[in-house]
Amino acid sequence: MIFTETKLKGAFIIDLERREDSRGFFARGFCRKEFENHGLKPDIAQANIASNLKKGTLRGMHFQFPPAAETKLVRATRGAILDIIVDLRPESPTFLQHIAVELNDDNQRALYVPERFAHGYQVLRDNTDTSYQVGEFYSPENESGLMYNDPRLGLSWPLEVSVISEKDRKFAAFDDVEATVKKRMNVA
């Protein structure tokens, strides 16, 4: 695997290191030792799959507060998504900054999302499937999210939002939850 750290410390783009022959290719999509060697948490508590029927579908911006903050390893196994993560670590020099990465079945790239980040994606092709391994169990009492179109976050989605859950549509603006987020995301 090829690990490339992004401008957000601890967030990595992970490309496959393919071994090709006449059959096609073979590559590791996960290796505990390689994750540990890069200082990443290799724990997997859950493996989730999402099927997205329509281009323009948006999921996010989700996160869990400590003590149930999640790492995620996200990959598009069919189709394509624009995956966006936002740094919610109050002590971080990149607090509230974000990156966007296209994950698709052609590049077979993955995105490692550290704990205390918001995560969401928009579907770029009909019938897109995503797979993500999550480092913590789902914890409804620690679950939260941010508005996908909050001007303060400055996220740019490439398509008009065609489908979004009612829950995701109703997340609060960051200005309204900033004090709570900073307090609950502070692990010092």
Protein backbone atom coordinates (compact mmCIF):
# COMPACT_ATOMS: atom_id res chain seq x y z
CA MET A 1 0.00 0.00 0.00
CA ILE A 2 1.13 3.53 -0.70
CA PHE A 3 0.34 6.01 2.10
CA THR A 4 0.22 9.74 1.29
CA GLU A 5 -0.44 12.08 4.20
CA THR A 6 -2.72 15.00 3.39
CA LYS A 7 -2.44 18.57 4.67
CA LEU A 8 -4.61 17.41 7.60
CA LYS A 9 -2.21 15.62 9.97
CA GLY A 10 -3.13 11.98 10.40
CA ALA A 11 -5.43 11.83 7.34
CA PHE A 12 -4.02 9.65 4.57
CA ILE A 13 -4.86 8.78 0.99
CA ILE A 14 -4.05 5.10 0.51
CA ASP A 15 -3.36 3.76 -2.96
CA LEU A 16 -3.07 0.11 -3.83
CA GLU A 17 0.32 -1.32 -4.69
CA ARG A 18 -0.75 -3.63 -7.48
CA ARG A 19 0.98 -6.86 -8.46
CA GLU A 20 -0.22 -7.42 -12.01
CA ASP A 21 -0.07 -10.46 -14.24
CA SER A 22 -2.17 -12.10 -16.95
CA ARG A 23 -5.00 -12.77 -14.46
CA GLY A 24 -5.33 -9.12 -13.45
CA PHE A 25 -3.86 -7.83 -10.23
CA PHE A 26 -3.56 -8.54 -6.52
CA ALA A 27 -3.14 -5.91 -3.81
CA ARG A 28 -3.56 -5.56 -0.08
CA GLY A 29 -6.35 -3.19 0.88
CA PHE A 30 -5.47 -3.33 4.58
CA CYS A 31 -2.46 -4.38 6.62
CA ARG A 32 -2.36 -3.88 10.39
CA LYS A 33 1.45 -3.59 10.45
CA GLU A 34 1.58 -0.98 7.70
CA PHE A 35 -1.10 1.10 9.43
CA GLU A 36 0.79 0.87 12.73
CA ASN A 37 4.07 1.82 10.98
CA HIS A 38 2.39 5.04 9.81
CA GLY A 39 1.10 5.82 13.31
CA LEU A 40 -2.50 4.99 12.39
CA LYS A 41 -5.02 3.06 14.44
CA PRO A 42 -5.65 -0.26 12.71
CA ASP A 43 -8.61 -1.26 14.89
CA ILE A 44 -11.78 -2.27 13.06
CA ALA A 45 -14.92 -2.49 15.19
CA GLN A 46 -17.39 -2.50 12.29
CA ALA A 47 -17.34 -2.89 8.51
CA ASN A 48 -20.11 -0.89 6.82
CA ILE A 49 -21.44 -0.90 3.27
CA ALA A 50 -23.60 1.80 1.72
CA SER A 51 -25.48 1.43 -1.56
CA ASN A 52 -26.32 4.71 -3.29
CA LEU A 53 -28.80 4.58 -6.14
CA LYS A 54 -28.67 8.12 -7.49
CA LYS A 55 -25.88 10.44 -8.54
CA GLY A 56 -25.99 13.55 -6.34
CA THR A 57 -26.86 11.64 -3.15
CA LEU A 58 -25.15 13.18 -0.16
CA ARG A 59 -24.27 11.47 3.13
CA GLY A 60 -22.78 13.58 5.91
CA MET A 61 -21.22 15.39 7.60
CA HIS A 62 -21.06 12.72 10.33
CA PHE A 63 -18.86 12.20 13.38
CA GLN A 64 -18.88 10.73 16.87
CA PHE A 65 -17.62 12.51 19.97
CA PRO A 66 -15.05 10.94 22.31
CA PRO A 67 -14.99 8.49 23.97
CA ALA A 68 -16.53 6.93 20.84
CA ALA A 69 -14.63 8.97 18.21
CA GLU A 70 -14.16 6.88 15.07
CA THR A 71 -11.42 6.27 12.58
CA LYS A 72 -12.69 5.32 9.13
CA LEU A 73 -11.15 3.69 6.09
CA VAL A 74 -13.42 4.58 3.16
CA ARG A 75 -13.40 3.16 -0.37
CA ALA A 76 -15.80 3.27 -3.34
CA THR A 77 -16.11 -0.34 -4.48
CA ARG A 78 -18.44 0.49 -7.37
CA GLY A 79 -18.99 3.88 -8.95
CA ALA A 80 -17.52 7.11 -7.58
CA ILE A 81 -17.79 9.57 -4.70
CA LEU A 82 -16.29 12.87 -3.67
CA ASP A 83 -15.29 12.25 -0.05
CA ILE A 84 -14.78 15.27 2.21
CA ILE A 85 -13.38 15.32 5.74
CA VAL A 86 -13.20 18.25 8.17
CA ASP A 87 -10.72 18.51 11.05
CA LEU A 88 -12.67 19.00 14.30
CA ARG A 89 -9.68 18.74 16.67
CA PRO A 90 -9.73 22.07 18.58
CA GLU A 91 -5.98 21.89 19.27
CA SER A 92 -5.08 21.28 15.62
CA PRO A 93 -3.49 24.01 13.48
CA THR A 94 -5.84 22.79 10.70
CA PHE A 95 -9.02 23.03 12.83
CA LEU A 96 -12.06 23.39 10.50
CA GLN A 97 -9.95 22.88 7.39
CA HIS A 98 -11.01 20.17 4.97
CA ILE A 99 -9.84 18.05 2.07
CA ALA A 100 -11.81 16.48 -0.76
CA VAL A 101 -10.72 13.26 -2.48
CA GLU A 102 -12.38 11.41 -5.33
CA LEU A 103 -12.67 7.72 -4.57
CA ASN A 104 -13.83 5.47 -7.40
CA ASP A 105 -13.75 1.95 -8.71
CA ASP A 106 -11.08 2.93 -11.25
CA ASN A 107 -8.47 4.36 -8.84
CA GLN A 108 -9.52 2.00 -6.00
CA ARG A 109 -8.09 4.59 -3.63
CA ALA A 110 -9.03 4.70 0.05
CA LEU A 111 -9.16 7.57 2.52
CA TYR A 112 -8.11 7.09 6.14
CA VAL A 113 -10.12 9.42 8.36
CA PRO A 114 -8.65 10.02 11.83
CA GLU A 115 -10.67 10.34 15.03
CA ARG A 116 -12.41 13.66 15.66
CA PHE A 117 -13.06 14.45 11.99
CA ALA A 118 -16.40 15.04 10.31
CA HIS A 119 -16.90 12.85 7.24
CA GLY A 120 -19.29 12.96 4.30
CA TYR A 121 -19.47 12.23 0.62
CA GLN A 122 -21.45 12.94 -2.52
CA VAL A 123 -22.18 10.24 -5.07
CA LEU A 124 -20.83 11.05 -8.55
CA ARG A 125 -22.34 8.09 -10.47
CA ASP A 126 -25.62 6.20 -10.22
CA ASN A 127 -25.42 2.84 -8.43
CA THR A 128 -22.35 3.60 -6.34
CA ASP A 129 -21.34 1.39 -3.42
CA THR A 130 -19.00 2.36 -0.62
CA SER A 131 -17.29 0.28 2.01
CA TYR A 132 -15.85 1.61 5.21
CA GLN A 133 -14.14 0.02 8.14
CA VAL A 134 -14.80 1.92 11.34
CA GLY A 135 -12.58 1.86 14.43
CA GLU A 136 -15.33 2.30 17.01
CA PHE A 137 -18.81 0.86 17.51
CA TYR A 138 -21.81 2.97 16.55
CA SER A 139 -22.75 5.07 19.58
CA PRO A 140 -26.03 6.99 19.13
CA GLU A 141 -25.44 9.02 22.30
CA ASN A 142 -22.12 10.31 20.86
CA GLU A 143 -23.30 10.71 17.27
CA SER A 144 -23.50 14.14 15.67
CA GLY A 145 -22.99 16.00 12.43
CA LEU A 146 -22.67 19.33 10.69
CA MET A 147 -24.62 20.95 7.87
CA TYR A 148 -23.22 19.80 4.53
CA ASN A 149 -23.73 23.30 3.11
CA ASP A 150 -22.60 25.39 6.09
CA PRO A 151 -20.92 28.53 4.72
CA ARG A 152 -18.46 28.51 7.63
CA LEU A 153 -17.10 25.13 6.49
CA GLY A 154 -16.86 26.22 2.85
CA LEU A 155 -17.39 22.74 1.40
CA SER A 156 -17.83 22.57 -2.35
CA TRP A 157 -19.99 19.74 -3.66
CA PRO A 158 -19.72 19.13 -7.42
CA LEU A 159 -23.39 18.30 -8.04
CA GLU A 160 -26.77 19.52 -6.89
CA VAL A 161 -27.88 17.43 -3.94
CA SER A 162 -30.52 15.04 -5.28
CA VAL A 163 -31.03 12.81 -2.21
CA ILE A 164 -30.21 13.45 1.45
CA SER A 165 -31.64 11.97 4.63
CA GLU A 166 -33.87 14.10 6.83
CA LYS A 167 -31.37 13.67 9.69
CA ASP A 168 -28.47 14.95 7.56
CA ARG A 169 -30.55 17.86 6.28
CA LYS A 170 -31.30 18.98 9.84
CA PHE A 171 -27.77 19.10 11.26
CA ALA A 172 -26.99 22.46 12.88
CA ALA A 173 -24.74 25.19 11.53
CA PHE A 174 -21.26 25.16 13.03
CA ASP A 175 -21.79 28.59 14.61
CA ASP A 176 -24.65 27.11 16.65
CA VAL A 177 -22.65 24.13 17.94
CA GLU A 178 -19.09 25.47 17.99
CA ALA A 179 -18.79 25.67 21.79
CA THR A 180 -20.16 22.13 22.22
CA VAL A 181 -17.92 20.70 19.50
CA LYS A 182 -14.79 22.34 20.92
CA LYS A 183 -15.61 21.18 24.45
CA ARG A 184 -16.51 17.59 23.56
CA MET A 185 -13.71 17.16 20.99
CA ASN A 186 -11.07 18.42 23.40
CA VAL A 187 -9.15 15.40 24.72
CA ALA A 188 -6.50 17.28 26.71
